[in-house]
Amino acid sequence: MNSKKRRRLAFAAALVLAGGGGAALAITALNQNVEFFKSPSDIAAGHIAPGVFFRVGGLVAKGSVSHGEHGLVRFRVTDGRNAVPVEYTGVLPDLFREGQGVIAIGSLSPGGTFMANEILAKHDAKYMPPDVVDALKRAGRWKEGQ
């Protein structure tokens, strides 16, 4: 093998290593920023540690919404089997109401309350995120056409 072939081989090997390293870094960075969806039943099972960022979805439990000082809102999100208490400070979406589908984004406190950074309400009577529909179906609370 002459020196020209050796240089080409070394360049190709360096290119493959650099590409593999870049791909590994990208995958690691994406895994750390993924927001996982959980239902209230998943949270009740205790598989989620406090401080882990994720989404919880379900229905706003009837009679659970209370407004406090400085824009604090407390409510429960339920999937029909279990419910998780949620606290959120801020302005709620216009479509937020009891009995409607909701997704809260945030993390659990050590006391088990979900501390939401953002609240998303479904935008019309036909749409609900597929993850929420699946969780409600597993709980036996989903009826087609809801």
N, C-alpha and C. Protein backbone atom coordinates (compact mmCIF):
# COMPACT_ATOMS: atom_id res chain seq x y z
N MET A 1 0.85 -1.17 0.00
CA MET A 1 0.00 0.00 0.00
C MET A 1 0.90 1.23 0.00
N ASN A 2 0.62 2.12 -0.93
CA ASN A 2 1.46 3.32 -1.01
C ASN A 2 0.92 4.41 -0.08
N SER A 3 1.64 5.50 0.01
CA SER A 3 1.31 6.56 0.97
C SER A 3 0.00 7.26 0.62
N LYS A 4 -0.34 7.37 -0.67
CA LYS A 4 -1.59 8.01 -1.07
C LYS A 4 -2.79 7.20 -0.59
N LYS A 5 -2.73 5.88 -0.72
CA LYS A 5 -3.81 5.02 -0.26
C LYS A 5 -3.92 5.06 1.27
N ARG A 6 -2.78 5.10 1.94
CA ARG A 6 -2.77 5.18 3.40
C ARG A 6 -3.44 6.46 3.89
N ARG A 7 -3.17 7.59 3.23
CA ARG A 7 -3.78 8.87 3.61
C ARG A 7 -5.28 8.83 3.39
N ARG A 8 -5.71 8.25 2.27
CA ARG A 8 -7.15 8.13 2.00
C ARG A 8 -7.83 7.25 3.04
N LEU A 9 -7.19 6.15 3.39
CA LEU A 9 -7.75 5.25 4.39
C LEU A 9 -7.83 5.94 5.76
N ALA A 10 -6.80 6.66 6.12
CA ALA A 10 -6.79 7.39 7.40
C ALA A 10 -7.87 8.47 7.40
N PHE A 11 -8.03 9.17 6.27
CA PHE A 11 -9.07 10.20 6.17
C PHE A 11 -10.45 9.58 6.30
N ALA A 12 -10.68 8.46 5.62
CA ALA A 12 -11.98 7.78 5.69
C ALA A 12 -12.26 7.29 7.11
N ALA A 13 -11.26 6.75 7.78
CA ALA A 13 -11.44 6.27 9.16
C ALA A 13 -11.74 7.44 10.09
N ALA A 14 -11.05 8.55 9.92
CA ALA A 14 -11.30 9.74 10.75
C ALA A 14 -12.70 10.27 10.51
N LEU A 15 -13.15 10.25 9.27
CA LEU A 15 -14.49 10.72 8.93
C LEU A 15 -15.56 9.84 9.58
N VAL A 16 -15.36 8.52 9.54
CA VAL A 16 -16.31 7.59 10.16
C VAL A 16 -16.35 7.80 11.67
N LEU A 17 -15.18 7.94 12.30
CA LEU A 17 -15.12 8.17 13.75
C LEU A 17 -15.79 9.49 14.15
N ALA A 18 -15.52 10.54 13.38
CA ALA A 18 -16.12 11.84 13.68
C ALA A 18 -17.64 11.78 13.50
N GLY A 19 -18.12 11.13 12.47
CA GLY A 19 -19.56 10.99 12.26
C GLY A 19 -20.21 10.19 13.37
N GLY A 20 -19.58 9.11 13.78
CA GLY A 20 -20.10 8.29 14.89
C GLY A 20 -20.13 9.07 16.19
N GLY A 21 -19.08 9.84 16.46
CA GLY A 21 -19.03 10.66 17.67
C GLY A 21 -20.11 11.73 17.66
N GLY A 22 -20.28 12.37 16.51
CA GLY A 22 -21.33 13.39 16.39
C GLY A 22 -22.72 12.81 16.59
N ALA A 23 -22.96 11.63 16.02
CA ALA A 23 -24.26 10.98 16.18
C ALA A 23 -24.49 10.60 17.65
N ALA A 24 -23.47 10.11 18.32
CA ALA A 24 -23.60 9.75 19.73
C ALA A 24 -23.92 10.97 20.59
N LEU A 25 -23.26 12.09 20.31
CA LEU A 25 -23.55 13.32 21.05
C LEU A 25 -24.97 13.81 20.81
N ALA A 26 -25.43 13.74 19.57
CA ALA A 26 -26.79 14.18 19.24
C ALA A 26 -27.83 13.31 19.93
N ILE A 27 -27.64 12.01 19.94
CA ILE A 27 -28.59 11.10 20.59
C ILE A 27 -28.61 11.34 22.09
N THR A 28 -27.46 11.53 22.69
CA THR A 28 -27.40 11.81 24.13
C THR A 28 -28.11 13.11 24.46
N ALA A 29 -27.90 14.15 23.68
CA ALA A 29 -28.55 15.43 23.93
C ALA A 29 -30.06 15.33 23.76
N LEU A 30 -30.53 14.60 22.77
CA LEU A 30 -31.96 14.44 22.55
C LEU A 30 -32.63 13.65 23.67
N ASN A 31 -31.97 12.61 24.15
CA ASN A 31 -32.55 11.80 25.22
C ASN A 31 -32.74 12.61 26.50
N GLN A 32 -31.87 13.56 26.76
CA GLN A 32 -31.97 14.37 27.97
C GLN A 32 -33.08 15.41 27.85
N ASN A 33 -33.53 15.74 26.66
CA ASN A 33 -34.53 16.77 26.47
C ASN A 33 -35.89 16.24 26.05
N VAL A 34 -36.08 14.94 26.05
CA VAL A 34 -37.35 14.35 25.65
C VAL A 34 -38.35 14.54 26.79
N GLU A 35 -39.57 14.94 26.46
CA GLU A 35 -40.63 15.07 27.44
C GLU A 35 -41.48 13.81 27.36
N PHE A 36 -41.53 13.05 28.43
CA PHE A 36 -42.29 11.82 28.43
C PHE A 36 -43.72 12.08 28.91
N PHE A 37 -44.68 11.36 28.37
CA PHE A 37 -46.08 11.47 28.76
C PHE A 37 -46.41 10.37 29.76
N LYS A 38 -47.12 10.74 30.81
CA LYS A 38 -47.56 9.78 31.81
C LYS A 38 -49.03 10.05 32.14
N SER A 39 -49.74 9.01 32.52
CA SER A 39 -51.12 9.15 32.97
C SER A 39 -51.11 9.21 34.50
N PRO A 40 -52.21 9.65 35.12
CA PRO A 40 -52.27 9.63 36.58
C PRO A 40 -52.06 8.23 37.17
N SER A 41 -52.48 7.19 36.47
CA SER A 41 -52.24 5.82 36.96
C SER A 41 -50.76 5.48 36.95
N ASP A 42 -50.03 5.95 35.93
CA ASP A 42 -48.58 5.73 35.89
C ASP A 42 -47.92 6.42 37.09
N ILE A 43 -48.38 7.61 37.42
CA ILE A 43 -47.81 8.35 38.54
C ILE A 43 -48.14 7.65 39.86
N ALA A 44 -49.39 7.16 39.99
CA ALA A 44 -49.80 6.46 41.21
C ALA A 44 -48.99 5.18 41.42
N ALA A 45 -48.53 4.57 40.34
CA ALA A 45 -47.72 3.35 40.46
C ALA A 45 -46.35 3.64 41.06
N GLY A 46 -45.96 4.91 41.12
CA GLY A 46 -44.73 5.30 41.79
C GLY A 46 -43.45 5.11 41.00
N HIS A 47 -43.54 5.07 39.69
CA HIS A 47 -42.36 4.86 38.87
C HIS A 47 -41.64 6.16 38.50
N ILE A 48 -42.13 7.29 39.00
CA ILE A 48 -41.58 8.58 38.60
C ILE A 48 -41.00 9.28 39.83
N ALA A 49 -39.74 9.65 39.75
CA ALA A 49 -39.08 10.33 40.86
C ALA A 49 -39.40 11.83 40.83
N PRO A 50 -39.44 12.47 41.99
CA PRO A 50 -39.64 13.92 42.02
C PRO A 50 -38.55 14.65 41.25
N GLY A 51 -38.94 15.73 40.58
CA GLY A 51 -37.99 16.55 39.83
C GLY A 51 -37.79 16.15 38.38
N VAL A 52 -38.34 15.00 37.96
CA VAL A 52 -38.21 14.55 36.58
C VAL A 52 -39.25 15.28 35.74
N PHE A 53 -38.83 15.89 34.64
CA PHE A 53 -39.70 16.68 33.78
C PHE A 53 -40.48 15.75 32.86
N PHE A 54 -41.82 15.87 32.86
CA PHE A 54 -42.66 15.05 31.98
C PHE A 54 -44.01 15.71 31.80
N ARG A 55 -44.88 15.07 31.01
CA ARG A 55 -46.24 15.55 30.77
C ARG A 55 -47.22 14.59 31.43
N VAL A 56 -48.25 15.14 32.04
CA VAL A 56 -49.33 14.32 32.56
C VAL A 56 -50.60 14.76 31.85
N GLY A 57 -51.42 13.80 31.47
CA GLY A 57 -52.63 14.13 30.73
C GLY A 57 -53.81 13.33 31.20
N GLY A 58 -54.97 13.88 31.00
CA GLY A 58 -56.22 13.23 31.36
C GLY A 58 -57.34 14.26 31.34
N LEU A 59 -58.31 14.05 32.19
CA LEU A 59 -59.44 14.97 32.30
C LEU A 59 -59.32 15.77 33.59
N VAL A 60 -59.74 17.03 33.57
CA VAL A 60 -59.78 17.83 34.78
C VAL A 60 -60.94 17.30 35.62
N ALA A 61 -60.64 16.83 36.82
CA ALA A 61 -61.66 16.23 37.69
C ALA A 61 -62.72 17.27 38.07
N LYS A 62 -63.97 16.86 38.01
CA LYS A 62 -65.08 17.77 38.35
C LYS A 62 -65.00 18.15 39.82
N GLY A 63 -65.21 19.43 40.10
CA GLY A 63 -65.18 19.94 41.46
C GLY A 63 -63.81 20.11 42.06
N SER A 64 -62.77 19.99 41.25
CA SER A 64 -61.41 20.04 41.80
C SER A 64 -60.69 21.36 41.57
N VAL A 65 -61.21 22.25 40.77
CA VAL A 65 -60.51 23.48 40.43
C VAL A 65 -60.72 24.52 41.53
N SER A 66 -59.60 25.05 42.04
CA SER A 66 -59.67 26.14 43.01
C SER A 66 -58.61 27.18 42.65
N HIS A 67 -58.98 28.44 42.79
CA HIS A 67 -58.09 29.55 42.47
C HIS A 67 -57.59 30.17 43.76
N GLY A 68 -56.27 30.42 43.81
CA GLY A 68 -55.66 31.04 44.98
C GLY A 68 -55.12 32.42 44.64
N GLU A 69 -54.25 32.90 45.51
CA GLU A 69 -53.65 34.22 45.32
C GLU A 69 -52.56 34.18 44.25
N HIS A 70 -52.35 35.32 43.63
CA HIS A 70 -51.26 35.52 42.67
C HIS A 70 -51.34 34.56 41.48
N GLY A 71 -52.54 34.22 41.05
CA GLY A 71 -52.72 33.38 39.87
C GLY A 71 -52.51 31.90 40.10
N LEU A 72 -52.43 31.45 41.37
CA LEU A 72 -52.26 30.03 41.67
C LEU A 72 -53.57 29.29 41.43
N VAL A 73 -53.48 28.20 40.68
CA VAL A 73 -54.65 27.36 40.40
C VAL A 73 -54.30 25.94 40.82
N ARG A 74 -55.21 25.32 41.54
CA ARG A 74 -55.05 23.92 41.95
C ARG A 74 -56.20 23.12 41.35
N PHE A 75 -55.89 21.94 40.84
CA PHE A 75 -56.91 21.04 40.30
C PHE A 75 -56.35 19.64 40.27
N ARG A 76 -57.19 18.67 39.93
CA ARG A 76 -56.75 17.29 39.81
C ARG A 76 -56.95 16.84 38.37
N VAL A 77 -55.99 16.08 37.88
CA VAL A 77 -56.09 15.45 36.56
C VAL A 77 -56.34 13.97 36.82
N THR A 78 -57.37 13.43 36.16
CA THR A 78 -57.74 12.05 36.38
C THR A 78 -57.81 11.28 35.06
N ASP A 79 -57.57 9.99 35.15
CA ASP A 79 -57.78 9.11 34.00
C ASP A 79 -58.92 8.14 34.28
N GLY A 80 -59.67 8.38 35.36
CA GLY A 80 -60.78 7.53 35.73
C GLY A 80 -60.44 6.55 36.83
N ARG A 81 -59.21 6.15 36.90
CA ARG A 81 -58.76 5.23 37.95
C ARG A 81 -58.09 6.00 39.08
N ASN A 82 -57.18 6.88 38.71
CA ASN A 82 -56.41 7.64 39.68
C ASN A 82 -56.42 9.11 39.30
N ALA A 83 -56.07 9.94 40.26
CA ALA A 83 -55.99 11.38 40.02
C ALA A 83 -54.70 11.90 40.63
N VAL A 84 -54.16 12.93 40.03
CA VAL A 84 -52.95 13.56 40.55
C VAL A 84 -53.24 15.05 40.78
N PRO A 85 -52.87 15.59 41.96
CA PRO A 85 -53.07 17.01 42.20
C PRO A 85 -52.07 17.82 41.39
N VAL A 86 -52.55 18.92 40.83
CA VAL A 86 -51.70 19.79 39.99
C VAL A 86 -51.78 21.20 40.54
N GLU A 87 -50.63 21.88 40.58
CA GLU A 87 -50.57 23.30 40.91
C GLU A 87 -49.94 24.03 39.74
N TYR A 88 -50.55 25.16 39.39
CA TYR A 88 -50.07 25.96 38.26
C TYR A 88 -50.25 27.43 38.61
N THR A 89 -49.24 28.22 38.34
CA THR A 89 -49.33 29.66 38.53
C THR A 89 -49.25 30.31 37.16
N GLY A 90 -50.30 31.01 36.80
CA GLY A 90 -50.34 31.68 35.50
C GLY A 90 -51.75 31.74 34.97
N VAL A 91 -51.84 32.14 33.73
CA VAL A 91 -53.13 32.26 33.06
C VAL A 91 -53.46 30.94 32.39
N LEU A 92 -54.64 30.43 32.67
CA LEU A 92 -55.07 29.16 32.07
C LEU A 92 -55.58 29.39 30.66
N PRO A 93 -55.50 28.38 29.80
CA PRO A 93 -56.08 28.50 28.45
C PRO A 93 -57.59 28.75 28.53
N ASP A 94 -58.14 29.41 27.54
CA ASP A 94 -59.57 29.72 27.52
C ASP A 94 -60.43 28.46 27.56
N LEU A 95 -59.96 27.38 26.98
CA LEU A 95 -60.75 26.15 26.92
C LEU A 95 -60.60 25.26 28.15
N PHE A 96 -59.85 25.71 29.14
CA PHE A 96 -59.66 24.93 30.37
C PHE A 96 -60.94 24.95 31.19
N ARG A 97 -61.46 23.78 31.52
CA ARG A 97 -62.63 23.68 32.41
C ARG A 97 -62.74 22.25 32.92
N GLU A 98 -63.53 22.09 33.94
CA GLU A 98 -63.72 20.77 34.54
C GLU A 98 -64.35 19.81 33.54
N GLY A 99 -63.88 18.57 33.56
CA GLY A 99 -64.41 17.54 32.68
C GLY A 99 -63.79 17.54 31.30
N GLN A 100 -62.91 18.49 30.99
CA GLN A 100 -62.28 18.57 29.68
C GLN A 100 -60.87 17.98 29.72
N GLY A 101 -60.38 17.59 28.55
CA GLY A 101 -59.04 17.06 28.43
C GLY A 101 -57.99 18.14 28.64
N VAL A 102 -56.89 17.75 29.28
CA VAL A 102 -55.82 18.69 29.58
C VAL A 102 -54.49 17.95 29.61
N ILE A 103 -53.43 18.66 29.27
CA ILE A 103 -52.07 18.16 29.44
C ILE A 103 -51.32 19.20 30.24
N ALA A 104 -50.66 18.77 31.30
CA ALA A 104 -49.83 19.65 32.12
C ALA A 104 -48.38 19.22 31.95
N ILE A 105 -47.51 20.21 31.79
CA ILE A 105 -46.09 19.95 31.59
C ILE A 105 -45.34 20.48 32.80
N GLY A 106 -44.54 19.63 33.44
CA GLY A 106 -43.79 20.04 34.62
C GLY A 106 -43.16 18.85 35.31
N SER A 107 -43.15 18.87 36.65
CA SER A 107 -42.52 17.78 37.40
C SER A 107 -43.23 17.59 38.74
N LEU A 108 -43.01 16.44 39.35
CA LEU A 108 -43.59 16.13 40.65
C LEU A 108 -42.79 16.79 41.76
N SER A 109 -43.48 17.28 42.77
CA SER A 109 -42.81 17.76 43.97
C SER A 109 -42.56 16.56 44.88
N PRO A 110 -41.69 16.69 45.88
CA PRO A 110 -41.49 15.56 46.81
C PRO A 110 -42.78 15.13 47.51
N GLY A 111 -43.75 16.03 47.65
CA GLY A 111 -45.02 15.68 48.29
C GLY A 111 -46.01 14.99 47.38
N GLY A 112 -45.69 14.85 46.10
CA GLY A 112 -46.57 14.15 45.16
C GLY A 112 -47.47 15.05 44.34
N THR A 113 -47.36 16.36 44.51
CA THR A 113 -48.14 17.29 43.70
C THR A 113 -47.38 17.58 42.41
N PHE A 114 -48.09 17.60 41.30
CA PHE A 114 -47.48 17.92 40.02
C PHE A 114 -47.40 19.44 39.90
N MET A 115 -46.20 19.96 39.78
CA MET A 115 -45.97 21.40 39.66
C MET A 115 -45.85 21.72 38.18
N ALA A 116 -46.91 22.28 37.60
CA ALA A 116 -46.97 22.51 36.16
C ALA A 116 -46.33 23.83 35.78
N ASN A 117 -45.57 23.80 34.70
CA ASN A 117 -45.00 25.01 34.10
C ASN A 117 -45.88 25.52 32.97
N GLU A 118 -46.65 24.60 32.38
CA GLU A 118 -47.50 24.93 31.24
C GLU A 118 -48.73 24.04 31.26
N ILE A 119 -49.87 24.59 30.85
CA ILE A 119 -51.12 23.85 30.76
C ILE A 119 -51.64 23.96 29.34
N LEU A 120 -51.98 22.83 28.76
CA LEU A 120 -52.54 22.79 27.41
C LEU A 120 -53.94 22.18 27.50
N ALA A 121 -54.92 22.84 26.89
CA ALA A 121 -56.28 22.32 26.86
C ALA A 121 -56.61 21.94 25.42
N LYS A 122 -57.48 20.94 25.27
CA LYS A 122 -57.82 20.54 23.91
C LYS A 122 -58.53 21.69 23.21
N HIS A 123 -58.33 21.80 21.90
CA HIS A 123 -58.78 22.99 21.18
C HIS A 123 -60.14 22.85 20.53
N ASP A 124 -60.71 21.67 20.45
CA ASP A 124 -62.09 21.53 19.99
C ASP A 124 -62.67 20.23 20.53
N ALA A 125 -63.90 19.98 20.23
CA ALA A 125 -64.60 18.84 20.82
C ALA A 125 -64.14 17.51 20.26
N LYS A 126 -63.45 17.48 19.14
CA LYS A 126 -63.08 16.22 18.52
C LYS A 126 -61.63 15.80 18.81
N TYR A 127 -60.74 16.77 19.06
CA TYR A 127 -59.33 16.43 19.18
C TYR A 127 -58.92 16.18 20.62
N MET A 128 -58.15 15.11 20.82
CA MET A 128 -57.48 14.88 22.08
C MET A 128 -56.19 14.16 21.72
N PRO A 129 -55.06 14.53 22.34
CA PRO A 129 -53.80 13.89 22.00
C PRO A 129 -53.89 12.37 22.12
N PRO A 130 -53.27 11.64 21.20
CA PRO A 130 -53.36 10.17 21.20
C PRO A 130 -52.93 9.54 22.52
N ASP A 131 -51.90 10.11 23.18
CA ASP A 131 -51.44 9.54 24.45
C ASP A 131 -52.53 9.64 25.52
N VAL A 132 -53.27 10.74 25.54
CA VAL A 132 -54.35 10.92 26.50
C VAL A 132 -55.49 9.95 26.19
N VAL A 133 -55.83 9.80 24.91
CA VAL A 133 -56.88 8.86 24.51
C VAL A 133 -56.50 7.45 24.95
N ASP A 134 -55.25 7.05 24.73
CA ASP A 134 -54.81 5.70 25.12
C ASP A 134 -54.93 5.50 26.62
N ALA A 135 -54.53 6.50 27.40
CA ALA A 135 -54.61 6.39 28.86
C ALA A 135 -56.07 6.29 29.32
N LEU A 136 -56.95 7.07 28.71
CA LEU A 136 -58.36 7.01 29.08
C LEU A 136 -58.98 5.68 28.66
N LYS A 137 -58.57 5.13 27.52
CA LYS A 137 -59.07 3.82 27.08
C LYS A 137 -58.62 2.73 28.05
N ARG A 138 -57.36 2.80 28.49
CA ARG A 138 -56.87 1.80 29.45
C ARG A 138 -57.65 1.86 30.76
N ALA A 139 -58.10 3.06 31.14
CA ALA A 139 -58.86 3.23 32.37
C ALA A 139 -60.35 2.95 32.18
N GLY A 140 -60.78 2.69 30.94
CA GLY A 140 -62.18 2.42 30.66
C GLY A 140 -63.06 3.66 30.67
N ARG A 141 -62.45 4.84 30.51
CA ARG A 141 -63.20 6.09 30.58
C ARG A 141 -63.42 6.72 29.21
N TRP A 142 -62.96 6.11 28.15
CA TRP A 142 -63.06 6.71 26.81
C TRP A 142 -64.26 6.15 26.08
N LYS A 143 -65.05 7.05 25.50
CA LYS A 143 -66.14 6.65 24.62
C LYS A 143 -65.90 7.30 23.29
N GLU A 144 -66.05 6.54 22.21
CA GLU A 144 -65.83 7.09 20.88
C GLU A 144 -66.77 8.28 20.66
N GLY A 145 -66.25 9.29 19.97
CA GLY A 145 -67.05 10.48 19.68
C GLY A 145 -66.99 11.53 20.75
N GLN A 146 -66.21 11.30 21.81
CA GLN A 146 -66.06 12.30 22.87
C GLN A 146 -65.31 13.49 22.37
